[in-house]
């Protein structure tokens, strides 16, 4: 039986909780839609500076994007 890789991360979960889209986040942070998509599928990670910007636009503490509750 094949094991499926989980494709969710905290950024994607917070976007869903805040009812925001990847496109909205890309516009707010000033990055491409592809960059946000890669963050949300764990193919790439934002820089620390960008992570703080993401937290700011999502109005959450940066720790909420790093640690599962």
Protein backbone atom coordinates (compact mmCIF):
# COMPACT_ATOMS: atom_id res chain seq x y z
CA UNK A 1 0.00 0.00 0.00
CA UNK A 2 1.46 3.37 -1.02
CA UNK A 3 1.95 6.01 1.63
CA UNK A 4 0.53 9.40 0.72
CA UNK A 5 2.57 12.45 1.62
CA UNK A 6 0.59 15.03 3.54
CA UNK A 7 0.48 18.20 1.52
CA UNK A 8 -0.77 20.65 4.15
CA UNK A 9 1.18 23.10 6.19
CA UNK A 10 0.43 25.91 8.59
CA UNK A 11 0.30 28.65 5.93
CA UNK A 12 -2.33 26.74 3.97
CA UNK A 13 -4.34 25.98 7.10
CA UNK A 14 -4.32 29.61 8.24
CA UNK A 15 -5.35 30.75 4.75
CA UNK A 16 -8.32 28.39 4.93
CA UNK A 17 -9.21 29.54 8.46
CA UNK A 18 -9.04 33.19 7.37
CA UNK A 19 -11.02 32.42 4.18
CA UNK A 20 -8.20 33.82 2.02
CA UNK A 21 -6.76 32.50 -1.23
CA UNK A 22 -3.25 31.87 -2.46
CA UNK A 23 -3.79 34.64 -5.02
CA UNK A 24 -4.75 37.11 -2.28
CA UNK A 25 -1.65 36.20 -0.26
CA UNK A 26 0.62 36.53 -3.28
CA UNK A 27 -0.73 40.03 -3.93
CA UNK A 28 -0.38 41.08 -0.29
CA UNK A 29 3.17 39.78 0.10
CA UNK A 30 4.35 40.75 -3.38
CA UNK A 31 5.36 37.32 -4.63
CA UNK A 32 4.15 35.14 -7.48
CA UNK A 33 1.15 32.85 -7.19
CA UNK A 34 3.54 29.98 -7.94
CA UNK A 35 5.67 30.86 -4.88
CA UNK A 36 2.64 30.73 -2.57
CA UNK A 37 1.52 27.48 -4.15
CA UNK A 38 4.94 25.95 -3.48
CA UNK A 39 4.77 27.08 0.16
CA UNK A 40 1.32 25.54 0.57
CA UNK A 41 2.41 22.20 -0.92
CA UNK A 42 5.70 22.08 1.01
CA UNK A 43 7.73 22.17 -2.21
CA UNK A 44 9.50 25.32 -0.98
CA UNK A 45 9.54 27.50 2.12
CA UNK A 46 9.43 31.29 2.46
CA UNK A 47 12.39 33.19 3.84
CA UNK A 48 12.21 34.22 7.49
CA UNK A 49 11.61 37.82 6.40
CA UNK A 50 8.74 36.74 4.16
CA UNK A 51 7.32 34.52 6.89
CA UNK A 52 7.03 37.57 9.16
CA UNK A 53 5.32 39.48 6.34
CA UNK A 54 2.87 36.60 5.83
CA UNK A 55 2.06 36.59 9.55
CA UNK A 56 1.46 40.33 9.43
CA UNK A 57 -0.95 40.24 6.48
CA UNK A 58 -2.77 37.21 7.93
CA UNK A 59 -2.93 38.97 11.32
CA UNK A 60 -1.46 36.05 13.23
CA UNK A 61 1.61 35.57 15.38
CA UNK A 62 4.49 34.15 13.35
CA UNK A 63 4.62 31.21 15.78
CA UNK A 64 1.18 30.18 14.54
CA UNK A 65 2.72 29.61 11.11
CA UNK A 66 5.50 27.46 12.52
CA UNK A 67 3.95 25.30 15.24
CA UNK A 68 0.91 23.07 15.11
CA UNK A 69 -1.42 23.65 18.05
